[in-house]
Amino acid sequence: MRSSDDRSTPLPNAFRPEFLKRIGERDEPLTAGEADVAGPWLVEEIPGAGFGLFRSGEGQRRAFRPVAVFRDRAHALLAAAVLPGTGRDAAFRLGMEAELAGYPLRDPASATAGHLHLFDESLTDALHVVETLVRSPEALANLLKAAGSLALERAGAILDARFSSSAG
């Protein structure tokens, strides 16, 4: 799990510093990693630096340091879209031994979701990313916003054709 920077100046927070110190001395629950990156994420322009990625409630106006800074806004939006999935357990696991149908791709319950002809960890990782994107309307919205108007126009035409009454 990521750790926060130690700061000599306390940042704005609804909880008293004494309480935060006491609770910080305890072990984090298993869900802490996911909570740390769950979002929602905000993209703010940082003059002269690019676009900062901040947790909701934080931001440069509140003296928080961005989680990441990107030169292009679209890259910051992509990070905002995928970051929540980085704290989740893998959506799929790739079996190490090939079966007759190929390498088994298993879901979190260890059920076989499918088979890959080749041992492809990159595809398995990519499936995790898109699986987490479609679970989160906010992440999906950040992805679509990063895509831009031309890609959305083209995707809209494809979706309209696929969901038209004549397409069945």
N, C-alpha and C. Protein backbone atom coordinates (compact mmCIF):
# COMPACT_ATOMS: atom_id res chain seq x y z
N MET A 1 0.84 -1.18 0.00
CA MET A 1 0.00 0.00 0.00
C MET A 1 0.88 1.24 0.00
N ARG A 2 0.39 2.27 -0.60
CA ARG A 2 1.13 3.53 -0.63
C ARG A 2 1.08 4.18 0.75
N SER A 3 2.10 4.96 1.05
CA SER A 3 2.06 5.69 2.31
C SER A 3 2.07 7.18 2.02
N SER A 4 1.47 7.95 2.91
CA SER A 4 1.45 9.39 2.71
C SER A 4 2.76 10.01 3.15
N ASP A 5 3.01 11.18 2.59
CA ASP A 5 4.22 11.91 2.97
C ASP A 5 4.07 12.41 4.39
N ASP A 6 5.16 12.37 5.14
CA ASP A 6 5.14 13.00 6.46
C ASP A 6 5.26 14.50 6.26
N ARG A 7 4.43 15.25 6.90
CA ARG A 7 4.44 16.71 6.74
C ARG A 7 4.51 17.36 8.11
N SER A 8 5.28 18.41 8.18
CA SER A 8 5.36 19.13 9.45
C SER A 8 4.15 20.03 9.64
N THR A 9 3.52 20.46 8.55
CA THR A 9 2.32 21.29 8.62
C THR A 9 1.11 20.40 8.39
N PRO A 10 0.18 20.31 9.34
CA PRO A 10 -0.99 19.46 9.14
C PRO A 10 -1.85 19.96 7.99
N LEU A 11 -2.39 19.01 7.23
CA LEU A 11 -3.28 19.35 6.12
C LEU A 11 -4.70 19.45 6.62
N PRO A 12 -5.56 20.16 5.88
CA PRO A 12 -6.96 20.28 6.31
C PRO A 12 -7.60 18.91 6.44
N ASN A 13 -8.31 18.69 7.55
CA ASN A 13 -8.96 17.41 7.79
C ASN A 13 -10.05 17.60 8.82
N ALA A 14 -11.14 16.87 8.67
CA ALA A 14 -12.26 16.97 9.61
C ALA A 14 -11.96 16.29 10.94
N PHE A 15 -10.94 15.43 10.98
CA PHE A 15 -10.58 14.74 12.22
C PHE A 15 -9.42 15.44 12.91
N ARG A 16 -9.45 15.46 14.25
CA ARG A 16 -8.38 16.09 15.02
C ARG A 16 -7.07 15.32 14.82
N PRO A 17 -5.93 16.01 14.82
CA PRO A 17 -4.64 15.36 14.65
C PRO A 17 -4.38 14.25 15.66
N GLU A 18 -4.86 14.42 16.90
CA GLU A 18 -4.65 13.39 17.93
C GLU A 18 -5.36 12.09 17.55
N PHE A 19 -6.58 12.22 17.03
CA PHE A 19 -7.33 11.05 16.61
C PHE A 19 -6.62 10.36 15.44
N LEU A 20 -6.19 11.13 14.46
CA LEU A 20 -5.51 10.56 13.30
C LEU A 20 -4.22 9.85 13.71
N LYS A 21 -3.52 10.41 14.70
CA LYS A 21 -2.29 9.78 15.19
C LYS A 21 -2.60 8.44 15.84
N ARG A 22 -3.65 8.41 16.69
CA ARG A 22 -4.02 7.17 17.38
C ARG A 22 -4.46 6.10 16.39
N ILE A 23 -5.29 6.47 15.45
CA ILE A 23 -5.78 5.46 14.50
C ILE A 23 -4.67 5.04 13.54
N GLY A 24 -3.72 5.93 13.28
CA GLY A 24 -2.60 5.60 12.41
C GLY A 24 -1.65 4.59 13.02
N GLU A 25 -1.72 4.39 14.32
CA GLU A 25 -0.86 3.41 14.99
C GLU A 25 -1.41 2.00 14.88
N ARG A 26 -2.62 1.85 14.37
CA ARG A 26 -3.23 0.53 14.20
C ARG A 26 -2.89 -0.03 12.83
N ASP A 27 -3.01 -1.35 12.70
CA ASP A 27 -2.83 -1.98 11.40
C ASP A 27 -3.98 -1.59 10.48
N GLU A 28 -3.66 -1.39 9.21
CA GLU A 28 -4.69 -1.06 8.24
C GLU A 28 -5.53 -2.30 7.92
N PRO A 29 -6.83 -2.14 7.68
CA PRO A 29 -7.64 -3.29 7.28
C PRO A 29 -7.27 -3.74 5.86
N LEU A 30 -7.70 -4.93 5.50
CA LEU A 30 -7.39 -5.47 4.18
C LEU A 30 -7.92 -4.60 3.06
N THR A 31 -8.94 -3.82 3.33
CA THR A 31 -9.56 -2.99 2.31
C THR A 31 -8.87 -1.64 2.13
N ALA A 32 -7.83 -1.35 2.90
CA ALA A 32 -7.19 -0.03 2.86
C ALA A 32 -6.61 0.30 1.49
N GLY A 33 -6.01 -0.67 0.84
CA GLY A 33 -5.43 -0.42 -0.48
C GLY A 33 -6.46 0.03 -1.49
N GLU A 34 -7.62 -0.62 -1.47
CA GLU A 34 -8.68 -0.23 -2.39
C GLU A 34 -9.25 1.13 -2.01
N ALA A 35 -9.41 1.38 -0.71
CA ALA A 35 -9.95 2.67 -0.26
C ALA A 35 -9.02 3.82 -0.64
N ASP A 36 -7.72 3.57 -0.63
CA ASP A 36 -6.74 4.61 -0.94
C ASP A 36 -6.85 5.09 -2.38
N VAL A 37 -7.28 4.23 -3.29
CA VAL A 37 -7.30 4.61 -4.71
C VAL A 37 -8.71 4.63 -5.30
N ALA A 38 -9.74 4.42 -4.46
CA ALA A 38 -11.10 4.29 -4.96
C ALA A 38 -11.61 5.54 -5.67
N GLY A 39 -11.12 6.71 -5.28
CA GLY A 39 -11.61 7.94 -5.89
C GLY A 39 -12.84 8.44 -5.15
N PRO A 40 -13.58 9.37 -5.69
CA PRO A 40 -13.41 9.90 -7.04
C PRO A 40 -12.16 10.76 -7.17
N TRP A 41 -11.67 10.84 -8.39
CA TRP A 41 -10.46 11.59 -8.70
C TRP A 41 -10.80 12.85 -9.47
N LEU A 42 -10.08 13.91 -9.16
CA LEU A 42 -10.27 15.19 -9.84
C LEU A 42 -8.99 15.55 -10.58
N VAL A 43 -9.15 16.11 -11.75
CA VAL A 43 -8.02 16.59 -12.53
C VAL A 43 -8.04 18.11 -12.48
N GLU A 44 -6.95 18.70 -12.00
CA GLU A 44 -6.84 20.16 -11.91
C GLU A 44 -5.60 20.61 -12.66
N GLU A 45 -5.74 21.72 -13.38
CA GLU A 45 -4.58 22.29 -14.06
C GLU A 45 -3.65 22.91 -13.03
N ILE A 46 -2.37 22.63 -13.18
CA ILE A 46 -1.35 23.22 -12.32
C ILE A 46 -0.50 24.11 -13.23
N PRO A 47 -0.64 25.42 -13.09
CA PRO A 47 0.08 26.32 -14.00
C PRO A 47 1.58 26.02 -14.06
N GLY A 48 2.06 25.87 -15.27
CA GLY A 48 3.48 25.62 -15.49
C GLY A 48 3.91 24.19 -15.30
N ALA A 49 3.02 23.32 -14.81
CA ALA A 49 3.41 21.93 -14.54
C ALA A 49 2.59 20.92 -15.34
N GLY A 50 1.33 21.23 -15.62
CA GLY A 50 0.48 20.29 -16.32
C GLY A 50 -0.84 20.10 -15.60
N PHE A 51 -1.26 18.84 -15.47
CA PHE A 51 -2.55 18.52 -14.87
C PHE A 51 -2.34 17.55 -13.72
N GLY A 52 -2.76 17.97 -12.54
CA GLY A 52 -2.60 17.15 -11.34
C GLY A 52 -3.82 16.29 -11.09
N LEU A 53 -3.54 15.11 -10.54
CA LEU A 53 -4.59 14.17 -10.19
C LEU A 53 -4.73 14.19 -8.66
N PHE A 54 -5.92 14.59 -8.19
CA PHE A 54 -6.18 14.74 -6.76
C PHE A 54 -7.38 13.90 -6.35
N ARG A 55 -7.37 13.45 -5.10
CA ARG A 55 -8.56 12.80 -4.55
C ARG A 55 -9.63 13.87 -4.32
N SER A 56 -10.88 13.46 -4.38
CA SER A 56 -11.97 14.38 -4.09
C SER A 56 -11.78 14.91 -2.67
N GLY A 57 -11.99 16.19 -2.48
CA GLY A 57 -11.81 16.80 -1.17
C GLY A 57 -10.41 17.32 -0.95
N GLU A 58 -9.50 16.93 -1.83
CA GLU A 58 -8.14 17.44 -1.75
C GLU A 58 -7.97 18.42 -2.91
N GLY A 59 -6.82 18.77 -3.24
CA GLY A 59 -6.57 19.68 -4.36
C GLY A 59 -5.52 20.69 -4.00
N GLN A 60 -5.01 21.33 -5.01
CA GLN A 60 -3.92 22.27 -4.77
C GLN A 60 -4.37 23.48 -3.96
N ARG A 61 -5.63 23.88 -4.08
CA ARG A 61 -6.13 25.01 -3.29
C ARG A 61 -6.18 24.68 -1.81
N ARG A 62 -6.24 23.40 -1.48
CA ARG A 62 -6.30 22.97 -0.08
C ARG A 62 -4.93 22.49 0.39
N ALA A 63 -3.90 22.78 -0.36
CA ALA A 63 -2.51 22.47 -0.01
C ALA A 63 -2.17 20.99 -0.06
N PHE A 64 -2.91 20.21 -0.82
CA PHE A 64 -2.58 18.80 -0.98
C PHE A 64 -1.67 18.63 -2.19
N ARG A 65 -0.83 17.65 -2.09
CA ARG A 65 0.07 17.32 -3.19
C ARG A 65 -0.66 16.36 -4.14
N PRO A 66 -0.55 16.54 -5.45
CA PRO A 66 -1.23 15.62 -6.36
C PRO A 66 -0.62 14.22 -6.30
N VAL A 67 -1.44 13.23 -6.58
CA VAL A 67 -0.99 11.85 -6.64
C VAL A 67 -0.08 11.67 -7.85
N ALA A 68 -0.38 12.41 -8.92
CA ALA A 68 0.42 12.37 -10.14
C ALA A 68 0.20 13.67 -10.90
N VAL A 69 1.16 14.03 -11.74
CA VAL A 69 1.05 15.20 -12.60
C VAL A 69 1.38 14.76 -14.01
N PHE A 70 0.55 15.15 -14.96
CA PHE A 70 0.74 14.80 -16.36
C PHE A 70 0.81 16.06 -17.21
N ARG A 71 1.55 15.98 -18.28
CA ARG A 71 1.65 17.11 -19.20
C ARG A 71 0.32 17.33 -19.92
N ASP A 72 -0.34 16.22 -20.28
CA ASP A 72 -1.60 16.31 -21.02
C ASP A 72 -2.79 15.94 -20.13
N ARG A 73 -3.87 16.68 -20.28
CA ARG A 73 -5.10 16.44 -19.51
C ARG A 73 -5.64 15.04 -19.79
N ALA A 74 -5.58 14.59 -21.05
CA ALA A 74 -6.11 13.27 -21.40
C ALA A 74 -5.39 12.16 -20.61
N HIS A 75 -4.09 12.30 -20.42
CA HIS A 75 -3.34 11.29 -19.65
C HIS A 75 -3.77 11.29 -18.19
N ALA A 76 -4.03 12.47 -17.64
CA ALA A 76 -4.50 12.57 -16.25
C ALA A 76 -5.88 11.92 -16.12
N LEU A 77 -6.74 12.12 -17.12
CA LEU A 77 -8.06 11.50 -17.09
C LEU A 77 -7.96 9.97 -17.21
N LEU A 78 -7.02 9.48 -18.02
CA LEU A 78 -6.82 8.04 -18.12
C LEU A 78 -6.37 7.46 -16.77
N ALA A 79 -5.47 8.17 -16.11
CA ALA A 79 -5.02 7.72 -14.79
C ALA A 79 -6.19 7.73 -13.81
N ALA A 80 -7.03 8.77 -13.86
CA ALA A 80 -8.20 8.84 -12.99
C ALA A 80 -9.16 7.68 -13.27
N ALA A 81 -9.21 7.24 -14.50
CA ALA A 81 -10.10 6.13 -14.87
C ALA A 81 -9.59 4.79 -14.35
N VAL A 82 -8.29 4.54 -14.45
CA VAL A 82 -7.77 3.21 -14.10
C VAL A 82 -7.29 3.09 -12.66
N LEU A 83 -7.00 4.20 -12.01
CA LEU A 83 -6.44 4.15 -10.66
C LEU A 83 -7.31 3.37 -9.67
N PRO A 84 -8.64 3.51 -9.68
CA PRO A 84 -9.43 2.73 -8.72
C PRO A 84 -9.22 1.21 -8.85
N GLY A 85 -8.95 0.73 -10.03
CA GLY A 85 -8.73 -0.70 -10.22
C GLY A 85 -7.41 -1.19 -9.69
N THR A 86 -6.46 -0.28 -9.46
CA THR A 86 -5.15 -0.72 -8.97
C THR A 86 -5.18 -1.18 -7.52
N GLY A 87 -6.22 -0.81 -6.81
CA GLY A 87 -6.34 -1.23 -5.41
C GLY A 87 -7.17 -2.48 -5.22
N ARG A 88 -7.75 -2.97 -6.30
CA ARG A 88 -8.60 -4.16 -6.22
C ARG A 88 -7.80 -5.41 -6.51
N ASP A 89 -8.25 -6.51 -5.95
CA ASP A 89 -7.66 -7.80 -6.30
C ASP A 89 -7.88 -8.04 -7.78
N ALA A 90 -6.99 -8.80 -8.37
CA ALA A 90 -7.07 -9.08 -9.81
C ALA A 90 -8.42 -9.70 -10.16
N ALA A 91 -9.01 -9.22 -11.25
CA ALA A 91 -10.30 -9.74 -11.70
C ALA A 91 -10.14 -11.13 -12.31
N PHE A 92 -8.94 -11.41 -12.82
CA PHE A 92 -8.68 -12.69 -13.47
C PHE A 92 -7.29 -13.17 -13.08
N ARG A 93 -7.14 -14.48 -13.03
CA ARG A 93 -5.83 -15.10 -12.79
C ARG A 93 -5.60 -16.10 -13.92
N LEU A 94 -4.39 -16.12 -14.42
CA LEU A 94 -4.03 -17.01 -15.51
C LEU A 94 -3.37 -18.25 -14.95
N GLY A 95 -3.90 -19.41 -15.31
CA GLY A 95 -3.34 -20.67 -14.86
C GLY A 95 -1.96 -20.90 -15.46
N MET A 96 -1.08 -21.50 -14.70
CA MET A 96 0.31 -21.72 -15.13
C MET A 96 0.45 -22.91 -16.07
N GLU A 97 -0.48 -23.85 -15.99
CA GLU A 97 -0.40 -25.07 -16.81
C GLU A 97 -1.50 -25.05 -17.87
N ALA A 98 -1.10 -25.30 -19.11
CA ALA A 98 -2.08 -25.36 -20.19
C ALA A 98 -2.96 -26.59 -20.04
N GLU A 99 -4.23 -26.41 -20.33
CA GLU A 99 -5.18 -27.52 -20.40
C GLU A 99 -5.41 -27.80 -21.88
N LEU A 100 -6.25 -28.73 -22.19
CA LEU A 100 -6.53 -29.07 -23.58
C LEU A 100 -7.02 -27.85 -24.36
N ALA A 101 -7.86 -27.02 -23.73
CA ALA A 101 -8.41 -25.83 -24.38
C ALA A 101 -7.47 -24.63 -24.34
N GLY A 102 -6.39 -24.70 -23.59
CA GLY A 102 -5.45 -23.59 -23.46
C GLY A 102 -5.20 -23.26 -22.00
N TYR A 103 -4.60 -22.11 -21.75
CA TYR A 103 -4.32 -21.68 -20.38
C TYR A 103 -5.61 -21.17 -19.74
N PRO A 104 -5.99 -21.73 -18.60
CA PRO A 104 -7.26 -21.31 -17.99
C PRO A 104 -7.18 -19.89 -17.43
N LEU A 105 -8.21 -19.15 -17.70
CA LEU A 105 -8.37 -17.80 -17.17
C LEU A 105 -9.45 -17.90 -16.11
N ARG A 106 -9.08 -17.66 -14.86
CA ARG A 106 -10.01 -17.88 -13.75
C ARG A 106 -10.49 -16.55 -13.16
N ASP A 107 -11.75 -16.55 -12.73
CA ASP A 107 -12.31 -15.37 -12.07
C ASP A 107 -11.98 -15.43 -10.58
N PRO A 108 -12.36 -14.42 -9.79
CA PRO A 108 -12.01 -14.42 -8.35
C PRO A 108 -12.52 -15.64 -7.58
N ALA A 109 -13.58 -16.28 -8.03
CA ALA A 109 -14.10 -17.46 -7.35
C ALA A 109 -13.41 -18.73 -7.85
N SER A 110 -12.37 -18.57 -8.65
CA SER A 110 -11.59 -19.67 -9.24
C SER A 110 -12.37 -20.47 -10.27
N ALA A 111 -13.48 -19.94 -10.73
CA ALA A 111 -14.20 -20.58 -11.83
C ALA A 111 -13.49 -20.23 -13.13
N THR A 112 -13.51 -21.13 -14.07
CA THR A 112 -12.86 -20.87 -15.35
C THR A 112 -13.74 -19.94 -16.18
N ALA A 113 -13.22 -18.76 -16.48
CA ALA A 113 -13.94 -17.77 -17.27
C ALA A 113 -13.69 -18.00 -18.76
N GLY A 114 -12.57 -18.63 -19.08
CA GLY A 114 -12.22 -18.89 -20.47
C GLY A 114 -10.82 -19.49 -20.53
N HIS A 115 -10.32 -19.62 -21.74
CA HIS A 115 -8.98 -20.17 -21.96
C HIS A 115 -8.25 -19.30 -22.97
N LEU A 116 -6.95 -19.14 -22.76
CA LEU A 116 -6.10 -18.41 -23.71
C LEU A 116 -5.19 -19.41 -24.42
N HIS A 117 -5.09 -19.27 -25.74
CA HIS A 117 -4.22 -20.17 -26.51
C HIS A 117 -2.78 -20.06 -26.04
N LEU A 118 -2.33 -18.82 -25.77
CA LEU A 118 -0.97 -18.56 -25.30
C LEU A 118 -1.00 -18.06 -23.87
N PHE A 119 0.08 -18.29 -23.13
CA PHE A 119 0.21 -17.74 -21.78
C PHE A 119 0.45 -16.24 -21.93
N ASP A 120 -0.59 -15.44 -21.69
CA ASP A 120 -0.53 -14.01 -21.98
C ASP A 120 -0.92 -13.20 -20.74
N GLU A 121 0.09 -12.86 -19.93
CA GLU A 121 -0.17 -12.07 -18.73
C GLU A 121 -0.62 -10.66 -19.05
N SER A 122 -0.15 -10.09 -20.16
CA SER A 122 -0.56 -8.74 -20.55
C SER A 122 -2.05 -8.68 -20.83
N LEU A 123 -2.57 -9.69 -21.53
CA LEU A 123 -4.00 -9.74 -21.80
C LEU A 123 -4.78 -9.90 -20.50
N THR A 124 -4.28 -10.73 -19.60
CA THR A 124 -4.94 -10.94 -18.30
C THR A 124 -4.98 -9.63 -17.52
N ASP A 125 -3.88 -8.88 -17.50
CA ASP A 125 -3.85 -7.58 -16.82
C ASP A 125 -4.79 -6.59 -17.48
N ALA A 126 -4.83 -6.57 -18.81
CA ALA A 126 -5.72 -5.66 -19.53
C ALA A 126 -7.18 -5.98 -19.24
N LEU A 127 -7.50 -7.26 -19.16
CA LEU A 127 -8.87 -7.66 -18.81
C LEU A 127 -9.26 -7.14 -17.43
N HIS A 128 -8.33 -7.19 -16.49
CA HIS A 128 -8.59 -6.63 -15.15
C HIS A 128 -8.91 -5.14 -15.25
N VAL A 129 -8.13 -4.42 -16.04
CA VAL A 129 -8.33 -2.97 -16.17
C VAL A 129 -9.71 -2.66 -16.73
N VAL A 130 -10.08 -3.30 -17.85
CA VAL A 130 -11.38 -2.98 -18.44
C VAL A 130 -12.53 -3.48 -17.57
N GLU A 131 -12.32 -4.59 -16.88
CA GLU A 131 -13.36 -5.09 -15.97
C GLU A 131 -13.63 -4.07 -14.87
N THR A 132 -12.58 -3.45 -14.34
CA THR A 132 -12.80 -2.45 -13.29
C THR A 132 -13.39 -1.17 -13.87
N LEU A 133 -13.08 -0.84 -15.12
CA LEU A 133 -13.65 0.35 -15.76
C LEU A 133 -15.16 0.21 -15.92
N VAL A 134 -15.62 -0.95 -16.34
CA VAL A 134 -17.06 -1.10 -16.58
C VAL A 134 -17.85 -1.25 -15.29
N ARG A 135 -17.20 -1.47 -14.16
CA ARG A 135 -17.88 -1.53 -12.86
C ARG A 135 -18.10 -0.15 -12.26
N SER A 136 -17.36 0.84 -12.72
CA SER A 136 -17.42 2.17 -12.12
C SER A 136 -17.88 3.21 -13.13
N PRO A 137 -19.10 3.71 -13.00
CA PRO A 137 -19.56 4.74 -13.92
C PRO A 137 -18.64 5.96 -13.94
N GLU A 138 -18.07 6.31 -12.79
CA GLU A 138 -17.17 7.47 -12.76
C GLU A 138 -15.89 7.20 -13.54
N ALA A 139 -15.32 6.00 -13.36
CA ALA A 139 -14.11 5.65 -14.10
C ALA A 139 -14.40 5.61 -15.59
N LEU A 140 -15.53 5.05 -15.96
CA LEU A 140 -15.91 4.96 -17.37
C LEU A 140 -16.10 6.37 -17.95
N ALA A 141 -16.69 7.27 -17.16
CA ALA A 141 -16.86 8.65 -17.62
C ALA A 141 -15.51 9.33 -17.82
N ASN A 142 -14.55 9.09 -16.93
CA ASN A 142 -13.21 9.66 -17.11
C ASN A 142 -12.55 9.12 -18.38
N LEU A 143 -12.73 7.83 -18.64
CA LEU A 143 -12.18 7.24 -19.85
C LEU A 143 -12.80 7.87 -21.09
N LEU A 144 -14.12 8.00 -21.10
CA LEU A 144 -14.80 8.60 -22.25
C LEU A 144 -14.42 10.06 -22.44
N LYS A 145 -14.27 10.78 -21.34
CA LYS A 145 -13.85 12.19 -21.44
C LYS A 145 -12.45 12.29 -22.04
N ALA A 146 -11.57 11.35 -21.65
CA ALA A 146 -10.21 11.35 -22.19
C ALA A 146 -10.20 11.01 -23.67
N ALA A 147 -11.19 10.25 -24.14
CA ALA A 147 -11.23 9.82 -25.53
C ALA A 147 -11.42 11.01 -26.48
N GLY A 148 -12.15 12.01 -26.05
CA GLY A 148 -12.36 13.18 -26.89
C GLY A 148 -13.60 13.05 -27.76
N SER A 149 -13.98 14.16 -28.36
CA SER A 149 -15.26 14.23 -29.09
C SER A 149 -15.28 13.39 -30.36
N LEU A 150 -14.19 13.33 -31.11
CA LEU A 150 -14.19 12.56 -32.35
C LEU A 150 -14.37 11.06 -32.07
N ALA A 151 -13.62 10.54 -31.09
CA ALA A 151 -13.76 9.12 -30.75
C ALA A 151 -15.17 8.84 -30.22
N LEU A 152 -15.73 9.76 -29.42
CA LEU A 152 -17.08 9.56 -28.91
C LEU A 152 -18.11 9.60 -30.03
N GLU A 153 -17.91 10.49 -31.00
CA GLU A 153 -18.82 10.55 -32.15
C GLU A 153 -18.79 9.25 -32.93
N ARG A 154 -17.59 8.73 -33.17
CA ARG A 154 -17.46 7.45 -33.91
C ARG A 154 -18.05 6.29 -33.10
N ALA A 155 -17.75 6.26 -31.81
CA ALA A 155 -18.28 5.19 -30.96
C ALA A 155 -19.80 5.28 -30.88
N GLY A 156 -20.33 6.51 -30.83
CA GLY A 156 -21.77 6.69 -30.80
C GLY A 156 -22.43 6.15 -32.06
N ALA A 157 -21.81 6.37 -33.21
CA ALA A 157 -22.35 5.85 -34.47
C ALA A 157 -22.34 4.32 -34.47
N ILE A 158 -21.25 3.72 -33.96
CA ILE A 158 -21.15 2.26 -33.89
C ILE A 158 -22.21 1.70 -32.95
N LEU A 159 -22.35 2.31 -31.77
CA LEU A 159 -23.36 1.85 -30.82
C LEU A 159 -24.77 2.01 -31.37
N ASP A 160 -25.04 3.13 -32.05
CA ASP A 160 -26.36 3.35 -32.63
C ASP A 160 -26.68 2.26 -33.65
N ALA A 161 -25.70 1.90 -34.49
CA ALA A 161 -25.90 0.84 -35.49
C ALA A 161 -26.11 -0.51 -34.81
N ARG A 162 -25.36 -0.78 -33.77
CA ARG A 162 -25.48 -2.07 -33.08
C ARG A 162 -26.78 -2.23 -32.30
N PHE A 163 -27.32 -1.11 -31.83
CA PHE A 163 -28.53 -1.17 -31.03
C PHE A 163 -29.77 -0.68 -31.77
N SER A 164 -29.66 -0.53 -33.08
CA SER A 164 -30.83 -0.10 -33.85
C SER A 164 -31.85 -1.25 -33.89
N SER A 165 -33.08 -0.90 -34.11
CA SER A 165 -34.14 -1.92 -34.09
C SER A 165 -33.94 -2.96 -35.19
N SER A 166 -33.34 -2.59 -36.30
CA SER A 166 -33.16 -3.55 -37.39
C SER A 166 -31.98 -4.49 -37.14
N ALA A 167 -31.07 -4.14 -36.22
CA ALA A 167 -29.90 -4.98 -35.96
C ALA A 167 -30.25 -6.17 -35.09
N GLY A 168 -31.41 -6.16 -34.44
CA GLY A 168 -31.84 -7.28 -33.61
C GLY A 168 -31.13 -7.30 -32.35
